[in-house]
Amino acid sequence: MSDHAHHAGILWIISAPSGAGKTSLSRALVQETTALRTSVSFTTRAPRPGEIDGQDYHFISAEQFAGMAERGEFLEHALVHGNRYGTGESWVKKQLFSGVDCLLEIDWQGARLVRERLPEHVVSVFILPPSLAVLAERLRGRGQDSDEVIARRLAAAREELLHYDEFDYLVVNEEFQRALEDLRCVVRAEHLRRNRQQHEEHTRLRTLLA
């Protein structure tokens, strides 16, 4: 993916039920894609083992979060599993308007809000687990949550899956490398759209017709 400074970047939204693999897939895609940057969300939840403040999330207090929301500093924010999550607006817009693609890992509620705010920039992908049974197995395998928390996440997953039809693309994460390749294909296809290549296409046509 190249950095086309003559047009705004694509705002990629990747959503999924907890445990479906959106974070691992997003990180792998960003690592191999030069002009794609991840927006680091703000959250009121506590860090999980191994998470780094400013890299995985900006971990802030409920009071700090409320202040940012009141000042209109979020592109979107939502309450998820009892914790608040929000996307900083100024950083995202700076990336997009300089021609850089930006990736948001947010839930369907946040995705809906961002589409309403920046509809011309958004391409959305929903990551599906092969089944709820596999999703439950993955959540237990993480060893991070109690049985009660896992039960809540599975109940929430059923609700989230009802919103799959609000997204542009669906990717089933049954086998990680296959799912990653599917994401690569989506990225390539979107950058081949005529409206995203207008400058290069006009130059090419002028050359061909000269």
Protein backbone atom coordinates (compact mmCIF):
# COMPACT_ATOMS: atom_id res chain seq x y z
CA MET A 1 0.00 0.00 0.00
CA SER A 2 1.48 3.32 -1.00
CA ASP A 3 1.11 6.69 0.62
CA HIS A 4 -0.83 8.82 -1.88
CA ALA A 5 -0.53 12.36 -0.53
CA HIS A 6 -2.89 13.75 -3.19
CA HIS A 7 -5.95 12.20 -1.54
CA ALA A 8 -7.08 11.41 1.95
CA GLY A 9 -6.19 8.03 3.43
CA ILE A 10 -8.61 5.21 4.08
CA LEU A 11 -10.02 4.85 7.57
CA TRP A 12 -10.05 1.10 8.15
CA ILE A 13 -12.41 -0.20 10.82
CA ILE A 14 -11.87 -3.75 12.05
CA SER A 15 -14.48 -5.12 14.44
CA ALA A 16 -15.13 -8.53 15.93
CA PRO A 17 -16.49 -10.27 19.00
CA SER A 18 -13.93 -10.53 21.80
CA GLY A 19 -11.59 -13.44 21.09
CA ALA A 20 -12.21 -13.61 17.34
CA GLY A 21 -8.66 -12.44 16.59
CA LYS A 22 -9.04 -8.86 15.41
CA THR A 23 -6.06 -7.57 17.42
CA SER A 24 -3.63 -10.24 16.18
CA LEU A 25 -4.80 -9.81 12.59
CA SER A 26 -4.66 -6.01 12.78
CA ARG A 27 -1.14 -6.04 14.20
CA ALA A 28 0.10 -8.42 11.51
CA LEU A 29 -1.46 -6.27 8.78
CA VAL A 30 0.03 -3.05 10.16
CA GLN A 31 3.50 -4.59 10.58
CA GLU A 32 3.69 -5.48 6.90
CA THR A 33 1.99 -2.35 5.53
CA THR A 34 4.14 0.79 5.41
CA ALA A 35 1.46 3.46 5.08
CA LEU A 36 -1.00 2.04 7.60
CA ARG A 37 -1.02 3.22 11.19
CA THR A 38 -3.03 2.01 14.15
CA SER A 39 -5.03 4.45 16.22
CA VAL A 40 -4.37 3.74 19.90
CA SER A 41 -7.69 3.90 21.73
CA PHE A 42 -8.30 5.39 25.16
CA THR A 43 -9.86 3.11 27.78
CA THR A 44 -10.84 3.11 31.43
CA ARG A 45 -10.18 -0.61 31.88
CA ALA A 46 -7.10 -1.92 33.65
CA PRO A 47 -4.16 -3.18 31.53
CA ARG A 48 -4.01 -6.90 30.89
CA PRO A 49 -0.71 -8.74 31.48
CA GLY A 50 1.84 -7.62 28.91
CA GLU A 51 -0.10 -4.59 27.68
CA ILE A 52 1.82 -1.31 27.42
CA ASP A 53 0.32 2.11 28.04
CA GLY A 54 0.47 4.21 24.88
CA GLN A 55 1.10 1.19 22.69
CA ASP A 56 -1.85 -1.14 23.26
CA TYR A 57 -4.15 1.49 24.76
CA HIS A 58 -4.01 4.82 26.50
CA PHE A 59 -5.10 3.73 29.98
CA ILE A 60 -6.84 6.62 31.72
CA SER A 61 -9.19 7.15 34.65
CA ALA A 62 -12.95 7.42 34.34
CA GLU A 63 -12.65 11.11 35.29
CA GLN A 64 -10.10 11.77 32.53
CA PHE A 65 -12.26 9.94 30.02
CA ALA A 66 -15.33 11.95 30.98
CA GLY A 67 -13.38 15.18 30.58
CA MET A 68 -12.21 14.26 27.09
CA ALA A 69 -15.73 13.31 26.09
CA GLU A 70 -17.11 16.62 27.38
CA ARG A 71 -14.49 18.52 25.38
CA GLY A 72 -15.44 16.64 22.20
CA GLU A 73 -12.03 15.03 21.79
CA PHE A 74 -13.36 11.61 20.70
CA LEU A 75 -14.29 10.59 17.18
CA GLU A 76 -16.38 7.92 18.86
CA HIS A 77 -16.67 6.42 22.32
CA ALA A 78 -18.71 3.62 23.81
CA LEU A 79 -19.28 1.50 26.90
CA VAL A 80 -18.11 -2.08 26.25
CA HIS A 81 -18.12 -4.89 28.85
CA GLY A 82 -18.42 -2.29 31.62
CA ASN A 83 -15.46 -0.18 30.47
CA ARG A 84 -15.28 2.92 28.30
CA TYR A 85 -13.33 3.05 25.05
CA GLY A 86 -12.76 6.03 22.79
CA THR A 87 -10.92 7.05 19.61
CA GLY A 88 -9.02 10.34 19.63
CA GLU A 89 -10.31 12.49 16.78
CA SER A 90 -7.43 14.89 16.06
CA TRP A 91 -4.79 12.18 15.52
CA VAL A 92 -6.99 10.18 13.15
CA LYS A 93 -7.91 13.18 11.03
CA LYS A 94 -4.29 14.29 10.84
CA GLN A 95 -3.30 10.90 9.40
CA LEU A 96 -6.16 10.74 6.91
CA PHE A 97 -5.77 14.26 5.58
CA SER A 98 -2.04 13.72 5.06
CA GLY A 99 -2.86 10.71 2.86
CA VAL A 100 -2.04 7.98 5.39
CA ASP A 101 -4.34 5.03 6.05
CA CYS A 102 -5.47 4.61 9.64
CA LEU A 103 -6.80 1.48 11.35
CA LEU A 104 -9.33 1.45 14.18
CA GLU A 105 -10.08 -1.63 16.27
CA ILE A 106 -13.53 -0.77 17.59
CA ASP A 107 -16.83 -2.49 18.24
CA TRP A 108 -19.94 -2.22 16.04
CA GLN A 109 -21.28 0.71 18.07
CA GLY A 110 -18.13 2.74 17.47
CA ALA A 111 -18.03 1.65 13.83
CA ARG A 112 -21.54 2.99 13.30
CA LEU A 113 -20.63 6.35 14.84
CA VAL A 114 -17.45 6.71 12.77
CA ARG A 115 -19.30 5.87 9.56
CA GLU A 116 -21.76 8.64 10.37
CA ARG A 117 -18.95 11.13 11.07
CA LEU A 118 -16.58 10.26 8.18
CA PRO A 119 -18.58 8.19 5.68
CA GLU A 120 -16.42 9.01 2.67
CA HIS A 121 -13.26 7.70 4.33
CA VAL A 122 -14.42 4.46 5.98
CA VAL A 123 -13.94 0.86 4.84
CA SER A 124 -15.13 -1.62 7.46
CA VAL A 125 -14.28 -5.28 8.05
CA PHE A 126 -15.98 -7.65 10.49
CA ILE A 127 -13.93 -10.63 11.73
CA LEU A 128 -16.03 -13.74 12.37
CA PRO A 129 -15.05 -16.79 14.44
CA PRO A 130 -15.71 -20.18 12.80
CA SER A 131 -18.30 -20.87 15.52
CA LEU A 132 -19.28 -19.78 19.02
CA ALA A 133 -17.80 -23.02 20.37
CA VAL A 134 -14.41 -22.11 18.89
CA LEU A 135 -14.76 -18.58 20.24
CA ALA A 136 -15.40 -19.93 23.75
CA GLU A 137 -12.36 -22.19 23.46
CA ARG A 138 -10.17 -19.26 22.40
CA LEU A 139 -11.40 -17.08 25.27
CA ARG A 140 -10.64 -19.82 27.81
CA GLY A 141 -7.26 -20.44 26.20
CA ARG A 142 -6.19 -16.84 26.81
CA GLY A 143 -6.30 -17.51 30.54
CA GLN A 144 -7.06 -13.86 31.25
CA ASP A 145 -10.72 -13.95 32.28
CA SER A 146 -12.86 -15.75 34.83
CA ASP A 147 -15.67 -18.10 33.78
CA GLU A 148 -18.16 -15.35 34.63
CA VAL A 149 -16.38 -12.83 32.38
CA ILE A 150 -16.14 -15.37 29.56
CA ALA A 151 -19.88 -16.07 29.83
CA ARG A 152 -20.57 -12.33 29.54
CA ARG A 153 -18.28 -12.04 26.53
CA LEU A 154 -20.01 -14.94 24.78
CA ALA A 155 -23.41 -13.37 25.42
CA ALA A 156 -22.08 -10.08 24.04
CA ALA A 157 -20.65 -11.92 21.01
CA ARG A 158 -24.12 -13.18 20.08
CA GLU A 159 -25.36 -9.59 20.13
CA GLU A 160 -22.36 -8.32 18.12
CA LEU A 161 -22.81 -11.00 15.45
CA LEU A 162 -26.25 -9.60 14.71
CA HIS A 163 -24.59 -6.48 13.29
CA TYR A 164 -22.36 -8.20 10.71
CA ASP A 165 -24.46 -6.79 7.86
CA GLU A 166 -23.41 -3.22 8.73
CA PHE A 167 -19.87 -3.93 7.49
CA ASP A 168 -18.37 -3.80 4.00
CA TYR A 169 -16.38 -7.05 4.26
CA LEU A 170 -16.59 -10.26 6.30
CA VAL A 171 -13.49 -12.32 7.10
CA VAL A 172 -13.74 -15.68 8.88
CA ASN A 173 -10.75 -16.26 11.14
CA GLU A 174 -10.61 -20.06 11.13
CA GLU A 175 -6.95 -20.25 10.08
CA PHE A 176 -4.86 -17.17 10.88
CA GLN A 177 -2.73 -16.97 7.71
CA ARG A 178 -5.75 -17.44 5.47
CA ALA A 179 -7.64 -14.70 7.32
CA LEU A 180 -4.62 -12.40 7.06
CA GLU A 181 -4.41 -13.04 3.31
CA ASP A 182 -8.11 -12.20 3.02
CA LEU A 183 -7.41 -8.87 4.75
CA ARG A 184 -4.51 -8.21 2.37
CA CYS A 185 -6.85 -8.81 -0.56
CA VAL A 186 -9.38 -6.34 0.83
CA VAL A 187 -6.70 -3.68 1.24
CA ARG A 188 -5.38 -4.21 -2.28
CA ALA A 189 -8.87 -4.15 -3.79
CA GLU A 190 -9.81 -0.90 -2.06
CA HIS A 191 -6.65 0.83 -3.25
CA LEU A 192 -7.41 -0.31 -6.82
CA ARG A 193 -10.77 1.47 -6.83
CA ARG A 194 -10.92 4.05 -9.61
CA ASN A 195 -11.88 6.92 -7.32
CA ARG A 196 -8.78 6.27 -5.18
CA GLN A 197 -6.50 6.29 -8.21
CA GLN A 198 -7.89 9.29 -10.07
CA HIS A 199 -4.64 11.26 -10.16
CA GLU A 200 -2.54 8.36 -11.44
CA GLU A 201 -5.29 7.19 -13.80
CA HIS A 202 -5.70 10.61 -15.41
CA THR A 203 -1.94 10.86 -15.91
CA ARG A 204 -1.84 7.37 -17.42
CA LEU A 205 -4.74 8.08 -19.77
CA ARG A 206 -3.20 11.32 -20.95
CA THR A 207 -0.03 9.39 -21.77
CA LEU A 208 -1.91 6.63 -23.60
CA LEU A 209 -4.07 9.05 -25.60
CA ALA A 210 -1.26 11.46 -26.49
